[in-house]
C-alpha atoms as a PDB file:
ATOM      1  CA  MET A   1     182.208 289.677 180.118  1.00  0.00           C
ATOM      2  CA  ALA A   2     180.807 287.529 177.311  1.00  0.00           C
ATOM      3  CA  PRO A   3     180.992 283.769 177.958  1.00  0.00           C
ATOM      4  CA  GLY A   4     183.230 283.042 174.940  1.00  0.00           C
ATOM      5  CA  LEU A   5     182.875 280.584 172.090  1.00  0.00           C
ATOM      6  CA  THR A   6     182.589 276.812 172.273  1.00  0.00           C
ATOM      7  CA  VAL A   7     185.591 275.479 170.358  1.00  0.00           C
ATOM      8  CA  VAL A   8     186.530 272.105 168.953  1.00  0.00           C
ATOM      9  CA  PHE A   9     190.285 272.100 168.350  1.00  0.00           C
ATOM     10  CA  ALA A  10     191.847 269.885 165.663  1.00  0.00           C
ATOM     11  CA  GLY A  11     195.627 269.575 165.483  1.00  0.00           C
ATOM     12  CA  THR A  12     198.411 267.056 165.848  1.00  0.00           C
ATOM     13  CA  PRO A  13     202.089 268.202 165.929  1.00  0.00           C
ATOM     14  CA  ASP A  14     204.101 270.586 168.101  1.00  0.00           C
ATOM     15  CA  PHE A  15     203.201 273.480 165.799  1.00  0.00           C
ATOM     16  CA  ALA A  16     199.578 273.269 166.949  1.00  0.00           C
ATOM     17  CA  VAL A  17     200.275 273.319 170.702  1.00  0.00           C
ATOM     18  CA  PRO A  18     200.822 277.094 171.212  1.00  0.00           C
ATOM     19  CA  ALA A  19     197.472 277.791 169.558  1.00  0.00           C
ATOM     20  CA  PHE A  20     195.798 275.113 171.678  1.00  0.00           C
ATOM     21  CA  GLU A  21     197.294 276.543 174.877  1.00  0.00           C
ATOM     22  CA  ALA A  22     196.402 280.113 173.931  1.00  0.00           C
ATOM     23  CA  ILE A  23     192.752 279.218 173.351  1.00  0.00           C
ATOM     24  CA  ALA A  24     192.616 277.063 176.494  1.00  0.00           C
ATOM     25  CA  ALA A  25     193.934 279.995 178.532  1.00  0.00           C
ATOM     26  CA  SER A  26     191.426 282.427 177.007  1.00  0.00           C
ATOM     27  CA  ARG A  27     187.758 282.922 177.851  1.00  0.00           C
ATOM     28  CA  HIS A  28     186.839 280.657 174.926  1.00  0.00           C
ATOM     29  CA  ARG A  29     186.203 277.018 175.868  1.00  0.00           C
ATOM     30  CA  ILE A  30     187.737 274.003 174.145  1.00  0.00           C
ATOM     31  CA  VAL A  31     185.243 271.173 174.587  1.00  0.00           C
ATOM     32  CA  ALA A  32     187.180 268.535 172.618  1.00  0.00           C
ATOM     33  CA  ALA A  33     190.579 268.115 171.009  1.00  0.00           C
ATOM     34  CA  TYR A  34     190.725 266.163 167.754  1.00  0.00           C
ATOM     35  CA  THR A  35     194.104 264.692 166.868  1.00  0.00           C
ATOM     36  CA  GLN A  36     195.508 261.849 164.802  1.00  0.00           C
ATOM     37  CA  PRO A  37     195.591 258.323 166.249  1.00  0.00           C
ATOM     38  CA  ASP A  38     198.645 257.351 168.308  1.00  0.00           C
ATOM     39  CA  ARG A  39     201.532 256.262 166.076  1.00  0.00           C
ATOM     40  CA  PRO A  40     204.410 253.797 166.599  1.00  0.00           C
ATOM     41  CA  SER A  41     207.581 255.695 167.453  1.00  0.00           C
ATOM     42  CA  GLY A  42     211.186 255.033 168.438  1.00  0.00           C
ATOM     43  CA  ARG A  43     213.201 251.870 168.217  1.00  0.00           C
ATOM     44  CA  GLY A  44     210.620 249.898 170.184  1.00  0.00           C
ATOM     45  CA  LEU A  45     207.797 251.203 167.980  1.00  0.00           C
ATOM     46  CA  LYS A  46     205.723 251.956 171.054  1.00  0.00           C
ATOM     47  CA  LEU A  47     202.514 253.874 170.430  1.00  0.00           C
ATOM     48  CA  GLU A  48     203.072 257.560 171.113  1.00  0.00           C
ATOM     49  CA  ALA A  49     200.457 260.232 171.705  1.00  0.00           C
ATOM     50  CA  SER A  50     200.601 263.392 169.605  1.00  0.00           C
ATOM     51  CA  PRO A  51     201.747 266.666 171.220  1.00  0.00           C
ATOM     52  CA  VAL A  52     198.174 267.980 171.037  1.00  0.00           C
ATOM     53  CA  LYS A  53     196.811 264.891 172.769  1.00  0.00           C
ATOM     54  CA  ARG A  54     199.343 265.285 175.575  1.00  0.00           C
ATOM     55  CA  ALA A  55     198.436 268.959 175.964  1.00  0.00           C
ATOM     56  CA  ALA A  56     194.709 268.153 176.047  1.00  0.00           C
ATOM     57  CA  LEU A  57     195.078 265.385 178.614  1.00  0.00           C
ATOM     58  CA  ALA A  58     197.115 267.716 180.832  1.00  0.00           C
ATOM     59  CA  ARG A  59     194.106 270.052 180.882  1.00  0.00           C
ATOM     60  CA  ASP A  60     191.509 267.268 181.239  1.00  0.00           C
ATOM     61  CA  ILE A  61     190.023 268.114 177.849  1.00  0.00           C
ATOM     62  CA  PRO A  62     188.379 265.167 176.042  1.00  0.00           C
ATOM     63  CA  VAL A  63     190.377 263.759 173.138  1.00  0.00           C
ATOM     64  CA  GLU A  64     188.924 262.383 169.909  1.00  0.00           C
ATOM     65  CA  GLN A  65     191.127 260.341 167.526  1.00  0.00           C
ATOM     66  CA  PRO A  66     189.059 259.168 164.546  1.00  0.00           C
ATOM     67  CA  ALA A  67     190.977 257.488 161.736  1.00  0.00           C
ATOM     68  CA  THR A  68     188.807 259.383 159.257  1.00  0.00           C
ATOM     69  CA  LEU A  69     186.169 262.098 159.302  1.00  0.00           C
ATOM     70  CA  LYS A  70     184.421 260.762 156.201  1.00  0.00           C
ATOM     71  CA  ASP A  71     182.308 258.353 158.259  1.00  0.00           C
ATOM     72  CA  PRO A  72     178.813 259.773 159.009  1.00  0.00           C
ATOM     73  CA  ALA A  73     179.188 258.512 162.579  1.00  0.00           C
ATOM     74  CA  ALA A  74     182.288 260.685 163.014  1.00  0.00           C
ATOM     75  CA  VAL A  75     180.374 263.712 161.746  1.00  0.00           C
ATOM     76  CA  GLU A  76     177.539 262.983 164.192  1.00  0.00           C
ATOM     77  CA  ARG A  77     180.064 262.694 167.019  1.00  0.00           C
ATOM     78  CA  LEU A  78     181.570 266.056 166.085  1.00  0.00           C
ATOM     79  CA  ALA A  79     178.114 267.647 165.972  1.00  0.00           C
ATOM     80  CA  SER A  80     177.387 266.315 169.461  1.00  0.00           C
ATOM     81  CA  TRP A  81     179.960 268.757 170.874  1.00  0.00           C
ATOM     82  CA  ARG A  82     177.822 271.611 169.513  1.00  0.00           C
ATOM     83  CA  PRO A  83     180.822 273.753 168.545  1.00  0.00           C
ATOM     84  CA  ASP A  84     180.477 277.404 167.645  1.00  0.00           C
ATOM     85  CA  VAL A  85     183.739 277.099 165.732  1.00  0.00           C
ATOM     86  CA  MET A  86     186.383 274.508 164.891  1.00  0.00           C
ATOM     87  CA  VAL A  87     190.019 275.625 164.943  1.00  0.00           C
ATOM     88  CA  VAL A  88     192.269 273.498 162.723  1.00  0.00           C
ATOM     89  CA  VAL A  89     196.076 273.596 162.926  1.00  0.00           C
ATOM     90  CA  ALA A  90     198.171 271.009 161.057  1.00  0.00           C
ATOM     91  CA  TYR A  91     195.601 268.318 161.852  1.00  0.00           C
ATOM     92  CA  GLY A  92     196.618 265.979 159.033  1.00  0.00           C
ATOM     93  CA  LEU A  93     193.176 264.637 158.117  1.00  0.00           C
ATOM     94  CA  LEU A  94     190.969 265.786 155.275  1.00  0.00           C
ATOM     95  CA  LEU A  95     187.882 267.659 156.448  1.00  0.00           C
ATOM     96  CA  PRO A  96     184.936 266.823 154.136  1.00  0.00           C
ATOM     97  CA  GLN A  97     182.229 269.378 153.512  1.00  0.00           C
ATOM     98  CA  ALA A  98     179.934 267.655 156.002  1.00  0.00           C
ATOM     99  CA  VAL A  99     182.486 268.420 158.750  1.00  0.00           C
ATOM    100  CA  LEU A 100     183.070 271.997 157.579  1.00  0.00           C
ATOM    101  CA  ASP A 101     179.317 272.564 157.845  1.00  0.00           C
ATOM    102  CA  VAL A 102     179.024 271.457 161.491  1.00  0.00           C
ATOM    103  CA  PRO A 103     180.314 274.485 163.467  1.00  0.00           C
ATOM    104  CA  ARG A 104     177.885 277.411 163.647  1.00  0.00           C
ATOM    105  CA  LEU A 105     180.614 279.920 162.709  1.00  0.00           C
ATOM    106  CA  GLY A 106     182.624 277.648 160.438  1.00  0.00           C
ATOM    107  CA  CYS A 107     186.160 276.270 160.659  1.00  0.00           C
ATOM    108  CA  LEU A 108     189.223 278.478 161.122  1.00  0.00           C
ATOM    109  CA  ASN A 109     192.683 277.373 160.012  1.00  0.00           C
ATOM    110  CA  ILE A 110     196.068 278.706 161.110  1.00  0.00           C
ATOM    111  CA  HIS A 111     198.407 278.586 158.118  1.00  0.00           C
ATOM    112  CA  ALA A 112     202.147 279.278 158.368  1.00  0.00           C
ATOM    113  CA  SER A 113     202.519 281.665 155.424  1.00  0.00           C
ATOM    114  CA  LEU A 114     201.145 284.889 154.040  1.00  0.00           C
ATOM    115  CA  LEU A 115     198.503 283.379 151.821  1.00  0.00           C
ATOM    116  CA  PRO A 116     198.064 282.975 148.915  1.00  0.00           C
ATOM    117  CA  ARG A 117     201.849 282.434 148.896  1.00  0.00           C
ATOM    118  CA  TRP A 118     202.868 278.906 149.905  1.00  0.00           C
ATOM    119  CA  ARG A 119     199.605 277.040 150.045  1.00  0.00           C
ATOM    120  CA  GLY A 120     200.241 273.426 150.962  1.00  0.00           C
ATOM    121  CA  ALA A 121     202.059 271.157 153.381  1.00  0.00           C
ATOM    122  CA  ALA A 122     205.513 272.727 153.861  1.00  0.00           C
ATOM    123  CA  PRO A 123     205.197 276.533 153.790  1.00  0.00           C
ATOM    124  CA  ILE A 124     207.939 277.160 156.360  1.00  0.00           C
ATOM    125  CA  GLN A 125     210.659 275.246 154.526  1.00  0.00           C
ATOM    126  CA  ARG A 126     209.592 276.454 151.070  1.00  0.00           C
ATOM    127  CA  ALA A 127     209.816 280.081 152.184  1.00  0.00           C
ATOM    128  CA  LEU A 128     213.367 279.498 153.429  1.00  0.00           C
ATOM    129  CA  LEU A 129     214.402 277.590 150.311  1.00  0.00           C
ATOM    130  CA  ALA A 130     213.088 280.382 148.100  1.00  0.00           C
ATOM    131  CA  GLY A 131     215.033 283.028 149.997  1.00  0.00           C
ATOM    132  CA  ASP A 132     211.898 284.943 151.050  1.00  0.00           C
ATOM    133  CA  SER A 133     212.608 287.941 153.265  1.00  0.00           C
ATOM    134  CA  GLU A 134     209.412 287.447 155.251  1.00  0.00           C
ATOM    135  CA  THR A 135     206.643 284.981 155.907  1.00  0.00           C
ATOM    136  CA  GLY A 136     203.863 285.042 158.480  1.00  0.00           C
ATOM    137  CA  ILE A 137     200.605 283.622 159.741  1.00  0.00           C
ATOM    138  CA  THR A 138     197.237 283.675 158.018  1.00  0.00           C
ATOM    139  CA  ILE A 139     193.969 282.924 159.795  1.00  0.00           C
ATOM    140  CA  MET A 140     191.517 281.727 157.175  1.00  0.00           C
ATOM    141  CA  ARG A 141     188.159 280.030 156.889  1.00  0.00           C
ATOM    142  CA  LEU A 142     188.462 276.472 155.660  1.00  0.00           C
ATOM    143  CA  GLU A 143     186.682 275.435 152.501  1.00  0.00           C
ATOM    144  CA  ALA A 144     186.944 272.431 150.196  1.00  0.00           C
ATOM    145  CA  GLY A 145     190.038 273.680 148.298  1.00  0.00           C
ATOM    146  CA  LEU A 146     193.656 273.439 149.506  1.00  0.00           C
ATOM    147  CA  ASP A 147     194.263 276.552 151.639  1.00  0.00           C
ATOM    148  CA  THR A 148     192.028 278.564 149.329  1.00  0.00           C
ATOM    149  CA  GLY A 149     189.520 279.951 151.832  1.00  0.00           C
ATOM    150  CA  PRO A 150     188.929 283.621 152.615  1.00  0.00           C
ATOM    151  CA  MET A 151     191.294 285.293 155.066  1.00  0.00           C
ATOM    152  CA  LEU A 152     190.348 286.825 158.400  1.00  0.00           C
ATOM    153  CA  SER A 153     193.798 288.096 159.380  1.00  0.00           C
ATOM    154  CA  ARG A 154     197.448 288.032 158.260  1.00  0.00           C
ATOM    155  CA  GLN A 155     200.568 289.122 160.087  1.00  0.00           C
ATOM    156  CA  ALA A 156     204.043 289.200 158.577  1.00  0.00           C
ATOM    157  CA  LEU A 157     207.161 287.910 160.317  1.00  0.00           C
ATOM    158  CA  PRO A 158     210.655 288.820 159.038  1.00  0.00           C
ATOM    159  CA  ILE A 159     212.935 285.878 158.251  1.00  0.00           C
ATOM    160  CA  ALA A 160     216.267 286.335 160.037  1.00  0.00           C
ATOM    161  CA  PRO A 161     219.524 285.799 158.091  1.00  0.00           C
ATOM    162  CA  GLU A 162     220.414 282.645 160.061  1.00  0.00           C
ATOM    163  CA  GLU A 163     216.849 281.352 160.428  1.00  0.00           C
ATOM    164  CA  THR A 164     216.377 277.578 160.382  1.00  0.00           C
ATOM    165  CA  GLY A 165     213.273 275.541 159.718  1.00  0.00           C
ATOM    166  CA  GLY A 166     213.118 274.832 163.450  1.00  0.00           C
ATOM    167  CA  SER A 167     213.494 278.389 164.687  1.00  0.00           C
ATOM    168  CA  LEU A 168     211.005 279.762 162.163  1.00  0.00           C
ATOM    169  CA  HIS A 169     208.561 276.968 163.041  1.00  0.00           C
ATOM    170  CA  ASP A 170     208.650 277.976 166.708  1.00  0.00           C
ATOM    171  CA  ARG A 171     208.242 281.708 166.047  1.00  0.00           C
ATOM    172  CA  LEU A 172     205.305 281.144 163.701  1.00  0.00           C
ATOM    173  CA  ALA A 173     203.638 278.732 166.121  1.00  0.00           C
ATOM    174  CA  ARG A 174     203.722 281.360 168.866  1.00  0.00           C
ATOM    175  CA  LEU A 175     202.357 284.009 166.512  1.00  0.00           C
ATOM    176  CA  GLY A 176     199.546 281.670 165.512  1.00  0.00           C
ATOM    177  CA  GLY A 177     198.484 281.417 169.147  1.00  0.00           C
ATOM    178  CA  VAL A 178     198.243 285.193 169.434  1.00  0.00           C
ATOM    179  CA  LEU A 179     196.320 285.683 166.196  1.00  0.00           C
ATOM    180  CA  VAL A 180     193.823 282.859 166.693  1.00  0.00           C
ATOM    181  CA  THR A 181     192.552 284.174 170.015  1.00  0.00           C
ATOM    182  CA  GLU A 182     192.111 287.611 168.444  1.00  0.00           C
ATOM    183  CA  ALA A 183     190.225 285.964 165.568  1.00  0.00           C
ATOM    184  CA  LEU A 184     187.911 284.148 167.969  1.00  0.00           C
ATOM    185  CA  ASP A 185     187.188 287.412 169.788  1.00  0.00           C
ATOM    186  CA  ARG A 186     186.231 289.047 166.484  1.00  0.00           C
ATOM    187  CA  LEU A 187     184.060 286.102 165.477  1.00  0.00           C
ATOM    188  CA  GLU A 188     182.184 286.260 168.754  1.00  0.00           C
ATOM    189  CA  ALA A 189     181.731 290.027 168.523  1.00  0.00           C
ATOM    190  CA  GLY A 190     180.460 289.795 164.961  1.00  0.00           C
ATOM    191  CA  THR A 191     183.255 292.049 163.681  1.00  0.00           C
ATOM    192  CA  ALA A 192     185.128 289.410 161.656  1.00  0.00           C
ATOM    193  CA  ARG A 193     185.598 290.366 158.012  1.00  0.00           C
ATOM    194  CA  PHE A 194     186.886 287.820 155.520  1.00  0.00           C
ATOM    195  CA  GLU A 195     188.892 288.782 152.427  1.00  0.00           C
ATOM    196  CA  PRO A 196     189.101 286.482 149.377  1.00  0.00           C
ATOM    197  CA  GLN A 197     192.527 285.288 148.258  1.00  0.00           C
ATOM    198  CA  ASP A 198     194.063 286.277 144.944  1.00  0.00           C
ATOM    199  CA  ASP A 199     194.317 282.871 143.267  1.00  0.00           C
ATOM    200  CA  ALA A 200     196.538 284.293 140.525  1.00  0.00           C
ATOM    201  CA  ALA A 201     199.253 285.041 143.122  1.00  0.00           C
ATOM    202  CA  ALA A 202     199.184 281.572 144.692  1.00  0.00           C
ATOM    203  CA  THR A 203     202.280 279.375 145.014  1.00  0.00           C
ATOM    204  CA  TYR A 204     202.377 275.766 146.178  1.00  0.00           C
ATOM    205  CA  ALA A 205     204.452 274.408 149.077  1.00  0.00           C
ATOM    206  CA  ARG A 206     204.650 270.713 148.327  1.00  0.00           C
ATOM    207  CA  LYS A 207     205.348 268.230 151.101  1.00  0.00           C
ATOM    208  CA  LEU A 208     209.011 267.683 151.988  1.00  0.00           C
ATOM    209  CA  ALA A 209     210.653 264.506 150.720  1.00  0.00           C
ATOM    210  CA  LYS A 210     213.708 262.866 152.300  1.00  0.00           C
ATOM    211  CA  SER A 211     215.303 262.738 148.842  1.00  0.00           C
ATOM    212  CA  GLU A 212     215.472 266.543 148.805  1.00  0.00           C
ATOM    213  CA  ALA A 213     218.058 266.451 151.592  1.00  0.00           C
ATOM    214  CA  LEU A 214     220.887 265.382 149.270  1.00  0.00           C
ATOM    215  CA  ILE A 215     223.130 268.325 148.363  1.00  0.00           C
ATOM    216  CA  ASP A 216     223.673 269.022 144.660  1.00  0.00           C
ATOM    217  CA  TRP A 217     227.063 270.726 144.632  1.00  0.00           C
ATOM    218  CA  THR A 218     226.472 272.229 141.177  1.00  0.00           C
ATOM    219  CA  GLN A 219     223.956 274.615 142.761  1.00  0.00           C
ATOM    220  CA  PRO A 220     225.038 278.105 143.949  1.00  0.00           C
ATOM    221  CA  ALA A 221     226.405 278.348 147.480  1.00  0.00           C
ATOM    222  CA  GLU A 222     223.619 280.719 148.560  1.00  0.00           C
ATOM    223  CA  ALA A 223     220.955 278.180 147.551  1.00  0.00           C
ATOM    224  CA  LEU A 224     222.770 275.395 149.397  1.00  0.00           C
ATOM    225  CA  GLU A 225     223.045 277.506 152.543  1.00  0.00           C
ATOM    226  CA  ARG A 226     219.284 278.018 152.419  1.00  0.00           C
ATOM    227  CA  GLN A 227     218.808 274.268 151.960  1.00  0.00           C
ATOM    228  CA  VAL A 228     220.870 273.540 155.068  1.00  0.00           C
ATOM    229  CA  ARG A 229     218.890 276.032 157.133  1.00  0.00           C
ATOM    230  CA  ALA A 230     215.483 275.002 155.783  1.00  0.00           C
ATOM    231  CA  PHE A 231     216.062 271.294 156.449  1.00  0.00           C
ATOM    232  CA  ASP A 232     217.097 271.753 160.090  1.00  0.00           C
ATOM    233  CA  PRO A 233     215.715 269.829 162.020  1.00  0.00           C
ATOM    234  CA  TRP A 234     214.256 267.602 159.245  1.00  0.00           C
ATOM    235  CA  PRO A 235     215.190 266.009 156.908  1.00  0.00           C
ATOM    236  CA  VAL A 236     218.699 267.527 157.443  1.00  0.00           C
ATOM    237  CA  ALA A 237     220.860 268.359 154.428  1.00  0.00           C
ATOM    238  CA  GLU A 238     223.429 265.697 153.585  1.00  0.00           C
ATOM    239  CA  THR A 239     226.187 264.702 151.193  1.00  0.00           C
ATOM    240  CA  ARG A 240     228.378 261.613 150.738  1.00  0.00           C
ATOM    241  CA  LEU A 241     231.904 261.116 152.041  1.00  0.00           C
ATOM    242  CA  ASP A 242     233.525 257.882 150.855  1.00  0.00           C
ATOM    243  CA  GLY A 243     230.068 256.517 150.175  1.00  0.00           C
ATOM    244  CA  GLN A 244     228.669 257.209 153.632  1.00  0.00           C
ATOM    245  CA  GLN A 245     226.240 259.879 154.756  1.00  0.00           C
ATOM    246  CA  LEU A 246     227.614 263.170 156.029  1.00  0.00           C
ATOM    247  CA  ARG A 247     224.879 265.347 157.505  1.00  0.00           C
ATOM    248  CA  ILE A 248     225.317 269.104 157.349  1.00  0.00           C
ATOM    249  CA  TRP A 249     223.699 270.910 160.257  1.00  0.00           C
ATOM    250  CA  ARG A 250     225.141 274.352 159.737  1.00  0.00           C
ATOM    251  CA  ALA A 251     226.896 276.062 156.848  1.00  0.00           C
ATOM    252  CA  HIS A 252     227.339 279.447 155.209  1.00  0.00           C
ATOM    253  CA  ALA A 253     228.098 280.722 151.723  1.00  0.00           C
ATOM    254  CA  ALA A 254     231.421 282.380 150.960  1.00  0.00           C
ATOM    255  CA  ALA A 255     233.514 283.489 148.011  1.00  0.00           C
ATOM    256  CA  ALA A 256     235.639 280.762 146.409  1.00  0.00           C
ATOM    257  CA  GLY A 257     239.328 281.608 146.367  1.00  0.00           C
ATOM    258  CA  GLU A 258     240.105 279.108 143.632  1.00  0.00           C
ATOM    259  CA  ALA A 259     238.396 277.154 140.868  1.00  0.00           C
ATOM    260  CA  ALA A 260     237.633 273.458 141.247  1.00  0.00           C
ATOM    261  CA  ALA A 261     234.959 270.942 140.378  1.00  0.00           C
ATOM    262  CA  PRO A 262     231.755 271.281 142.438  1.00  0.00           C
ATOM    263  CA  GLY A 263     231.943 269.169 145.589  1.00  0.00           C
ATOM    264  CA  THR A 264     235.729 269.515 145.913  1.00  0.00           C
ATOM    265  CA  VAL A 265     236.932 270.365 149.423  1.00  0.00           C
ATOM    266  CA  LEU A 266     239.142 273.433 148.974  1.00  0.00           C
ATOM    267  CA  SER A 267     240.359 273.510 152.572  1.00  0.00           C
ATOM    268  CA  SER A 268     239.643 271.819 155.871  1.00  0.00           C
ATOM    269  CA  GLY A 269     240.673 273.311 159.200  1.00  0.00           C
ATOM    270  CA  LYS A 270     239.919 275.849 161.903  1.00  0.00           C
ATOM    271  CA  ASP A 271     237.869 278.020 159.537  1.00  0.00           C
ATOM    272  CA  GLY A 272     235.587 275.156 158.555  1.00  0.00           C
ATOM    273  CA  ILE A 273     235.348 272.732 155.660  1.00  0.00           C
ATOM    274  CA  VAL A 274     235.260 274.835 152.480  1.00  0.00           C
ATOM    275  CA  VAL A 275     233.558 273.122 149.535  1.00  0.00           C
ATOM    276  CA  MET A 276     233.359 274.340 145.941  1.00  0.00           C
ATOM    277  CA  THR A 277     229.861 274.748 144.523  1.00  0.00           C
ATOM    278  CA  GLY A 278     228.410 275.749 141.171  1.00  0.00           C
ATOM    279  CA  ARG A 279     228.955 279.370 142.198  1.00  0.00           C
ATOM    280  CA  GLY A 280     231.020 280.302 145.221  1.00  0.00           C
ATOM    281  CA  ALA A 281     231.906 278.082 148.159  1.00  0.00           C
ATOM    282  CA  LEU A 282     229.897 276.550 150.978  1.00  0.00           C
ATOM    283  CA  VAL A 283     231.658 276.519 154.343  1.00  0.00           C
ATOM    284  CA  LEU A 284     230.481 273.598 156.467  1.00  0.00           C
ATOM    285  CA  ASP A 285     230.336 274.638 160.123  1.00  0.00           C
ATOM    286  CA  ARG A 286     228.722 271.624 161.818  1.00  0.00           C
ATOM    287  CA  VAL A 287     228.548 268.065 160.461  1.00  0.00           C
ATOM    288  CA  GLN A 288     227.654 264.559 161.570  1.00  0.00           C
ATOM    289  CA  LEU A 289     228.600 261.031 160.519  1.00  0.00           C
ATOM    290  CA  PRO A 290     226.147 258.111 160.994  1.00  0.00           C
ATOM    291  CA  GLY A 291     225.997 256.896 164.574  1.00  0.00           C
ATOM    292  CA  ARG A 292     228.114 259.834 165.797  1.00  0.00           C
ATOM    293  CA  ARG A 293     227.240 263.100 167.477  1.00  0.00           C
ATOM    294  CA  ALA A 294     227.246 266.315 165.463  1.00  0.00           C
ATOM    295  CA  VAL A 295     230.568 268.181 165.734  1.00  0.00           C
ATOM    296  CA  THR A 296     232.004 271.477 164.592  1.00  0.00           C
ATOM    297  CA  ALA A 297     233.914 271.446 161.316  1.00  0.00           C
ATOM    298  CA  PRO A 298     237.268 272.173 163.057  1.00  0.00           C
ATOM    299  CA  GLU A 299     236.681 269.162 165.329  1.00  0.00           C
ATOM    300  CA  PHE A 300     235.919 267.009 162.310  1.00  0.00           C
ATOM    301  CA  ALA A 301     238.949 268.333 160.417  1.00  0.00           C
ATOM    302  CA  ARG A 302     241.269 267.414 163.279  1.00  0.00           C
ATOM    303  CA  ALA A 303     240.122 263.800 162.954  1.00  0.00           C
ATOM    304  CA  GLN A 304     240.577 263.637 159.169  1.00  0.00           C
ATOM    305  CA  ASP A 305     241.873 266.095 156.599  1.00  0.00           C
ATOM    306  CA  LEU A 306     239.393 266.418 153.762  1.00  0.00           C
ATOM    307  CA  ALA A 307     241.304 268.894 151.595  1.00  0.00           C
ATOM    308  CA  GLY A 308     241.223 267.763 147.946  1.00  0.00           C
ATOM    309  CA  ARG A 309     238.501 265.164 148.566  1.00  0.00           C
ATOM    310  CA  VAL A 310     235.281 265.303 146.548  1.00  0.00           C
ATOM    311  CA  LEU A 311     231.914 265.141 148.323  1.00  0.00           C
ATOM    312  CA  GLY A 312     228.698 263.889 146.810  1.00  0.00           C
END
């Protein structure tokens, strides 16, 4: 059996861990894991290691945490690992051309969409918000542009009717681990074939902003349902009840039995909290007040009757 490729892995969040573990368990050899510097986290603002760092340390793989890769010394350090290939998954740092040129076989990126659709930082949530019926994973070669490099492989993944940002994230992360090991095998065998992207078909998945979480009740119920699902687990869709935040963890669109101003609670009880929207009604199934645990809508309704109240 061939000895496998020498890999430098670059990634930071949970999404990158399945790919890291898949490569580490394969015949390819990760010689170093690059990840972002430890960040303050929690109420005590204690420094916390990234998920990729924790995974690397558990396997006794050296960890590199440069603040930037633009420094020539950082490029020299990367070159010292003599990588055949660099695998990049949600790393979070810009890779200058000098870094892209280091690995003998280039840099591969795992992107959570079917490129060229949803280039950018938040492809999972943007696909859900847009009501796409499928998304997927693309393995591509990194170049200077934003997710513009040629593609080695793509595999579609259907989006389930009740899919959330969290559940789709996890499914795509696992798929990325499968596809990246196959891609490395093809690179080593010399059978990898890269296909250019169609730039004319590209769409952009801009980074999520906390401000997007606020529900606009004039929007159609179907769009608001997608917003609730896409923003679970972050930033979590929300509205205002008597001036305070009301987070909406789960909801579904339904027909409106009566006409009312958007944001008006039509009914509140065992069937959920039914709110008028710009078209149809949104039934809130699970909600949360600040400092409280999330509860089902019937539980919430037993504590306070919202019928006739206006949210937002």
